[in-house]
């Protein structure tokens, strides 16, 4: 499995990274060229209902994490991501959320590393 990094989609890409956008919605104000992503895997993102409930509220993060992990355990896109992680040496999961600590990419990275 490749090393998994996470970063905001607005951060500059590195030369040797394979960038996967893991948001369900396209990031605001960003062109496809500037995003420099290799794949948009929107199916791996939290469900619309969970995303709208969470609203990046730090007080809801632990409960959000539990619900999102439940979704991931049944999500076929996890197999797609797992296969990509074996094919690429350096994979970066990119997201648009403002917080670097309270977002679904943090949960997704932990989920993938533990499975």
Protein backbone atom coordinates (compact mmCIF):
# COMPACT_ATOMS: atom_id res chain seq x y z
CA UNK A 1 0.00 0.00 0.00
CA UNK A 2 1.20 3.48 -0.78
CA UNK A 3 1.85 6.19 1.73
CA UNK A 4 -1.37 8.16 2.21
CA UNK A 5 -1.26 11.91 2.68
CA UNK A 6 -4.13 14.34 2.97
CA UNK A 7 -4.21 18.00 2.05
CA UNK A 8 -6.53 20.73 0.91
CA UNK A 9 -7.21 20.76 -2.79
CA UNK A 10 -6.10 24.40 -2.87
CA UNK A 11 -2.54 23.43 -1.87
CA UNK A 12 0.03 23.00 -4.60
CA UNK A 13 0.51 19.47 -5.91
CA UNK A 14 3.82 17.69 -5.57
CA UNK A 15 5.62 16.14 -8.51
CA UNK A 16 5.32 12.47 -7.57
CA UNK A 17 1.90 12.35 -5.89
CA UNK A 18 -1.28 10.76 -7.21
CA UNK A 19 -4.07 13.15 -6.17
CA UNK A 20 -7.58 11.86 -5.51
CA UNK A 21 -10.35 14.36 -4.82
CA UNK A 22 -12.56 12.74 -2.17
CA UNK A 23 -15.32 15.37 -2.01
CA UNK A 24 -18.81 14.78 -3.38
CA UNK A 25 -19.01 18.37 -4.66
CA UNK A 26 -16.45 20.16 -6.82
CA UNK A 27 -14.44 22.72 -4.79
CA UNK A 28 -15.60 26.31 -5.20
CA UNK A 29 -13.55 28.66 -7.31
CA UNK A 30 -11.19 26.00 -8.61
CA UNK A 31 -10.64 24.96 -12.20
CA UNK A 32 -9.74 21.39 -13.10
CA UNK A 33 -6.27 22.59 -14.13
CA UNK A 34 -5.61 24.32 -10.80
CA UNK A 35 -6.94 21.36 -8.82
CA UNK A 36 -4.36 19.12 -10.52
CA UNK A 37 -6.20 15.97 -9.54
CA UNK A 38 -5.71 12.58 -11.13
CA UNK A 39 -9.09 11.18 -10.10
CA UNK A 40 -12.32 12.50 -8.62
CA UNK A 41 -13.69 9.69 -6.44
CA UNK A 42 -16.85 11.41 -5.23
CA UNK A 43 -18.48 8.07 -4.35
CA UNK A 44 -16.12 7.72 -1.36
CA UNK A 45 -17.34 10.97 0.24
CA UNK A 46 -19.88 10.99 3.07
CA UNK A 47 -23.50 10.69 2.01
CA UNK A 48 -25.29 13.98 1.33
CA UNK A 49 -27.43 13.55 4.45
CA UNK A 50 -24.44 12.95 6.71
CA UNK A 51 -22.50 15.83 5.18
CA UNK A 52 -25.40 18.25 5.63
CA UNK A 53 -25.97 17.12 9.23
CA UNK A 54 -22.28 17.48 10.12
CA UNK A 55 -21.63 20.93 8.57
CA UNK A 56 -18.03 20.69 9.84
CA UNK A 57 -19.19 21.36 13.41
CA UNK A 58 -16.30 20.38 15.72
CA UNK A 59 -18.82 19.34 18.41
CA UNK A 60 -20.28 16.74 16.03
CA UNK A 61 -16.98 15.35 14.76
CA UNK A 62 -16.78 12.20 16.91
CA UNK A 63 -20.34 11.22 16.03
CA UNK A 64 -19.71 12.12 12.38
CA UNK A 65 -16.61 9.91 12.38
CA UNK A 66 -18.60 6.93 13.69
CA UNK A 67 -21.34 7.36 11.09
CA UNK A 68 -18.89 7.88 8.23
CA UNK A 69 -16.91 4.77 9.19
CA UNK A 70 -20.19 2.82 9.09
CA UNK A 71 -20.82 4.17 5.59
CA UNK A 72 -17.28 3.32 4.48
CA UNK A 73 -17.62 -0.26 5.74
CA UNK A 74 -20.41 -0.77 3.19
CA UNK A 75 -19.13 1.47 0.39
CA UNK A 76 -17.92 -0.30 -2.80
CA UNK A 77 -15.72 2.73 -3.60
CA UNK A 78 -13.41 1.61 -0.77
CA UNK A 79 -12.29 -1.28 -3.00
CA UNK A 80 -11.53 1.17 -5.81
CA UNK A 81 -9.46 3.33 -3.45
CA UNK A 82 -7.70 0.30 -2.01
CA UNK A 83 -6.69 -0.82 -5.50
CA UNK A 84 -5.39 2.65 -6.32
CA UNK A 85 -3.32 2.67 -3.13
CA UNK A 86 -1.54 -0.48 -4.26
CA UNK A 87 -0.81 0.98 -7.70
CA UNK A 88 0.62 4.35 -6.65
CA UNK A 89 3.60 4.97 -4.40
CA UNK A 90 2.44 8.34 -3.04
CA UNK A 91 -1.29 8.94 -2.85
CA UNK A 92 -2.80 12.18 -1.60
CA UNK A 93 -6.45 12.44 -0.65
CA UNK A 94 -7.49 16.02 -1.35
CA UNK A 95 -10.49 17.82 0.10
CA UNK A 96 -11.90 21.34 0.19
CA UNK A 97 -12.85 21.70 3.87
CA UNK A 98 -11.20 24.59 5.70
CA UNK A 99 -10.18 22.61 8.78
CA UNK A 100 -7.18 20.34 8.42
CA UNK A 101 -8.20 18.30 11.48
CA UNK A 102 -11.98 18.14 11.31
CA UNK A 103 -12.92 16.75 7.92
CA UNK A 104 -13.87 13.49 6.26
CA UNK A 105 -10.46 13.00 4.63
CA UNK A 106 -8.92 12.53 8.10
CA UNK A 107 -11.47 9.80 8.81
CA UNK A 108 -11.01 8.21 5.39
CA UNK A 109 -7.22 8.11 5.75
CA UNK A 110 -7.52 6.42 9.16
CA UNK A 111 -10.06 3.94 7.81
CA UNK A 112 -7.86 2.97 4.86
CA UNK A 113 -4.73 2.62 7.00
CA UNK A 114 -6.52 0.35 9.48
CA UNK A 115 -7.98 -1.99 6.85
